[in-house]
Every structure is written in C-alpha cells, then in structure tokens.
Amino acid sequence: MNSLEHKLTSLKLGRVKQVYSDWIERARETGMDYGEFLEELLSEELLSRQENQLKKRLHSASFPFEASLEQFDFSRHPELKRSVILRYFDSSFVEKAGNLLLIGASGLGKT
C-alpha cells in the first residue's frame, strides 16, 4: 500500500481510494483543473456514503422484500389514481418537504 492509499484508508475515504487513479487519468485526458478534480472525487465519495447509508437503513428496517412503485398493481385498486400517486414522487414534493398520509384498511399496500 502506497502512502496516498494509506492516508485515504486512515481518513476513511474508501470510495476515493477505489477510484482516484481513474479520476487522475480522466483529469489528464480532459484537462480538468484541480478544483474540479477534487470536487468530482469528493462528490463520488459523498454519493457512495449516501448509498451505503440507504442500504443500511433499508436493511435495518427489516422489510420482508424489496418493492418499488413500478411494481405496484394499480389495477387491483382502481380507487387509487396512478397520476395522483405519482405526483407525490416528484422531486418538487420532496424539496418542499411535504407530508403525505395514507389511510386505508390493512393489506392495501400503503407501506
């Protein structure tokens, strides 16, 4: 392990350690300046950490299986309008930190 890799390990920059050589090559090829190089490298580390946090949260939630909105069968519940539900998955709803309350009997897929 070289000195840089040792420092990256000590600083717990695991993703940077994995990809820094690729980013160095990319920076050479594109003429990327130092600031842009550093920003891109750290953005990749941040994204990796966010993905890991999400994975840990999903695992600790102990969901019985992984599900997505694309898998939801709207035909089984015609009272749920797909266009209305999808409106709440738009980034603007999340950015506004809006609240959504789903009310209904057990087994309807509110979770």
C-alpha atoms as a PDB file:
ATOM      1  CA  MET A   1       0.000   0.000   0.000  1.00  0.00           C
ATOM      2  CA  ASN A   2       1.489   3.333  -1.017  1.00  0.00           C
ATOM      3  CA  SER A   3       1.493   6.462   1.120  1.00  0.00           C
ATOM      4  CA  LEU A   4      -1.571   8.003  -0.537  1.00  0.00           C
ATOM      5  CA  GLU A   5      -3.629   4.848  -0.149  1.00  0.00           C
ATOM      6  CA  HIS A   6      -2.578   4.595   3.492  1.00  0.00           C
ATOM      7  CA  LYS A   7      -3.736   8.173   4.096  1.00  0.00           C
ATOM      8  CA  LEU A   8      -7.033   7.554   2.300  1.00  0.00           C
ATOM      9  CA  THR A   9      -7.570   4.477   4.466  1.00  0.00           C
ATOM     10  CA  SER A  10      -6.742   6.441   7.625  1.00  0.00           C
ATOM     11  CA  LEU A  11      -9.198   9.156   6.599  1.00  0.00           C
ATOM     12  CA  LYS A  12     -11.819   6.509   5.777  1.00  0.00           C
ATOM     13  CA  LEU A  13     -12.160   7.677   2.189  1.00  0.00           C
ATOM     14  CA  GLY A  14     -12.821   4.214   0.809  1.00  0.00           C
ATOM     15  CA  ARG A  15     -14.510   5.237  -2.427  1.00  0.00           C
ATOM     16  CA  VAL A  16     -11.810   7.801  -3.212  1.00  0.00           C
ATOM     17  CA  LYS A  17      -9.234   5.063  -2.654  1.00  0.00           C
ATOM     18  CA  GLN A  18     -11.039   2.853  -5.176  1.00  0.00           C
ATOM     19  CA  VAL A  19     -11.402   5.447  -7.933  1.00  0.00           C
ATOM     20  CA  TYR A  20      -8.694   8.086  -7.554  1.00  0.00           C
ATOM     21  CA  SER A  21      -6.419   6.564 -10.201  1.00  0.00           C
ATOM     22  CA  ASP A  22      -9.279   6.538 -12.746  1.00  0.00           C
ATOM     23  CA  TRP A  23     -10.050  10.162 -11.905  1.00  0.00           C
ATOM     24  CA  ILE A  24      -6.393  11.137 -12.304  1.00  0.00           C
ATOM     25  CA  GLU A  25      -6.414   9.617 -15.780  1.00  0.00           C
ATOM     26  CA  ARG A  26      -9.727  11.295 -16.626  1.00  0.00           C
ATOM     27  CA  ALA A  27      -8.378  14.647 -15.419  1.00  0.00           C
ATOM     28  CA  ARG A  28      -5.295  14.257 -17.610  1.00  0.00           C
ATOM     29  CA  GLU A  29      -7.361  13.378 -20.670  1.00  0.00           C
ATOM     30  CA  THR A  30      -9.868  16.206 -20.266  1.00  0.00           C
ATOM     31  CA  GLY A  31      -7.601  18.923 -18.888  1.00  0.00           C
ATOM     32  CA  MET A  32      -9.680  19.122 -15.721  1.00  0.00           C
ATOM     33  CA  ASP A  33      -8.416  21.738 -13.253  1.00  0.00           C
ATOM     34  CA  TYR A  34      -7.513  20.845  -9.661  1.00  0.00           C
ATOM     35  CA  GLY A  35     -10.653  22.274  -8.131  1.00  0.00           C
ATOM     36  CA  GLU A  36     -12.951  20.400 -10.493  1.00  0.00           C
ATOM     37  CA  PHE A  37     -10.941  17.208  -9.987  1.00  0.00           C
ATOM     38  CA  LEU A  38     -11.227  17.458  -6.216  1.00  0.00           C
ATOM     39  CA  GLU A  39     -14.920  18.308  -6.362  1.00  0.00           C
ATOM     40  CA  GLU A  40     -15.710  15.331  -8.609  1.00  0.00           C
ATOM     41  CA  LEU A  41     -13.653  12.959  -6.480  1.00  0.00           C
ATOM     42  CA  LEU A  42     -15.305  14.101  -3.245  1.00  0.00           C
ATOM     43  CA  SER A  43     -18.749  14.022  -4.861  1.00  0.00           C
ATOM     44  CA  GLU A  44     -18.171  10.385  -5.660  1.00  0.00           C
ATOM     45  CA  GLU A  45     -17.180   9.700  -2.036  1.00  0.00           C
ATOM     46  CA  LEU A  46     -20.275  11.512  -0.785  1.00  0.00           C
ATOM     47  CA  LEU A  47     -22.564   9.621  -3.156  1.00  0.00           C
ATOM     48  CA  SER A  48     -21.030   6.328  -2.057  1.00  0.00           C
ATOM     49  CA  ARG A  49     -21.628   7.177   1.596  1.00  0.00           C
ATOM     50  CA  GLN A  50     -25.229   8.179   0.912  1.00  0.00           C
ATOM     51  CA  GLU A  51     -25.840   4.912  -0.938  1.00  0.00           C
ATOM     52  CA  ASN A  52     -24.307   2.937   1.933  1.00  0.00           C
ATOM     53  CA  GLN A  53     -26.471   4.767   4.479  1.00  0.00           C
ATOM     54  CA  LEU A  54     -29.576   3.986   2.447  1.00  0.00           C
ATOM     55  CA  LYS A  55     -28.619   0.312   2.206  1.00  0.00           C
ATOM     56  CA  LYS A  56     -28.069   0.156   5.975  1.00  0.00           C
ATOM     57  CA  ARG A  57     -31.410   1.824   6.683  1.00  0.00           C
ATOM     58  CA  LEU A  58     -33.267  -0.492   4.339  1.00  0.00           C
ATOM     59  CA  HIS A  59     -31.578  -3.491   5.923  1.00  0.00           C
ATOM     60  CA  SER A  60     -32.332  -2.338   9.476  1.00  0.00           C
ATOM     61  CA  ALA A  61     -35.975  -1.700   8.516  1.00  0.00           C
ATOM     62  CA  SER A  62     -36.317  -5.471   8.000  1.00  0.00           C
ATOM     63  CA  PHE A  63     -38.777  -5.180   5.141  1.00  0.00           C
ATOM     64  CA  PRO A  64     -39.955  -8.636   4.076  1.00  0.00           C
ATOM     65  CA  PHE A  65     -38.999  -7.903   0.451  1.00  0.00           C
ATOM     66  CA  GLU A  66     -37.812  -5.050  -1.727  1.00  0.00           C
ATOM     67  CA  ALA A  67     -40.606  -3.219  -3.517  1.00  0.00           C
ATOM     68  CA  SER A  68     -40.899  -0.221  -5.789  1.00  0.00           C
ATOM     69  CA  LEU A  69     -43.675   1.959  -7.119  1.00  0.00           C
ATOM     70  CA  GLU A  70     -43.199   0.426 -10.563  1.00  0.00           C
ATOM     71  CA  GLN A  71     -44.208  -2.950  -9.109  1.00  0.00           C
ATOM     72  CA  PHE A  72     -47.436  -1.657  -7.575  1.00  0.00           C
ATOM     73  CA  ASP A  73     -50.529  -3.042  -9.313  1.00  0.00           C
ATOM     74  CA  PHE A  74     -52.872  -0.066  -9.675  1.00  0.00           C
ATOM     75  CA  SER A  75     -55.433  -2.256 -11.459  1.00  0.00           C
ATOM     76  CA  ARG A  76     -56.138  -4.075  -8.176  1.00  0.00           C
ATOM     77  CA  HIS A  77     -57.063  -0.759  -6.567  1.00  0.00           C
ATOM     78  CA  PRO A  78     -58.913   1.394  -9.117  1.00  0.00           C
ATOM     79  CA  GLU A  79     -59.714   3.949  -6.410  1.00  0.00           C
ATOM     80  CA  LEU A  80     -56.028   4.882  -6.427  1.00  0.00           C
ATOM     81  CA  LYS A  81     -55.296   7.146  -9.344  1.00  0.00           C
ATOM     82  CA  ARG A  82     -51.820   6.491 -10.693  1.00  0.00           C
ATOM     83  CA  SER A  83     -51.329  10.116 -11.783  1.00  0.00           C
ATOM     84  CA  VAL A  84     -52.238  11.413  -8.319  1.00  0.00           C
ATOM     85  CA  ILE A  85     -49.910   8.990  -6.552  1.00  0.00           C
ATOM     86  CA  LEU A  86     -47.032   9.711  -8.941  1.00  0.00           C
ATOM     87  CA  ARG A  87     -47.375  13.426  -8.219  1.00  0.00           C
ATOM     88  CA  TYR A  88     -46.039  12.756  -4.720  1.00  0.00           C
ATOM     89  CA  PHE A  89     -42.930  11.087  -6.092  1.00  0.00           C
ATOM     90  CA  ASP A  90     -41.912  14.202  -7.989  1.00  0.00           C
ATOM     91  CA  SER A  91     -38.765  15.891  -6.714  1.00  0.00           C
ATOM     92  CA  SER A  92     -40.625  19.158  -6.080  1.00  0.00           C
ATOM     93  CA  PHE A  93     -42.818  17.451  -3.460  1.00  0.00           C
ATOM     94  CA  VAL A  94     -39.721  16.157  -1.693  1.00  0.00           C
ATOM     95  CA  GLU A  95     -37.935  19.512  -1.940  1.00  0.00           C
ATOM     96  CA  LYS A  96     -40.922  21.228  -0.324  1.00  0.00           C
ATOM     97  CA  ALA A  97     -40.770  18.603   2.456  1.00  0.00           C
ATOM     98  CA  GLY A  98     -44.464  17.919   2.026  1.00  0.00           C
ATOM     99  CA  ASN A  99     -46.392  15.421   4.105  1.00  0.00           C
ATOM    100  CA  LEU A 100     -48.455  12.548   2.799  1.00  0.00           C
ATOM    101  CA  LEU A 101     -50.839  10.481   4.891  1.00  0.00           C
ATOM    102  CA  LEU A 102     -52.176   7.214   3.517  1.00  0.00           C
ATOM    103  CA  ILE A 103     -55.313   5.901   5.193  1.00  0.00           C
ATOM    104  CA  GLY A 104     -56.993   2.604   4.474  1.00  0.00           C
ATOM    105  CA  ALA A 105     -57.616  -0.952   5.512  1.00  0.00           C
ATOM    106  CA  SER A 106     -54.843  -3.454   6.103  1.00  0.00           C
ATOM    107  CA  GLY A 107     -53.391  -5.130   3.054  1.00  0.00           C
ATOM    108  CA  LEU A 108     -53.864  -2.291   0.590  1.00  0.00           C
ATOM    109  CA  GLY A 109     -50.154  -1.653   0.142  1.00  0.00           C
ATOM    110  CA  LYS A 110     -49.898   1.647   1.974  1.00  0.00           C
ATOM    111  CA  THR A 111     -46.390   0.858   3.147  1.00  0.00           C
END
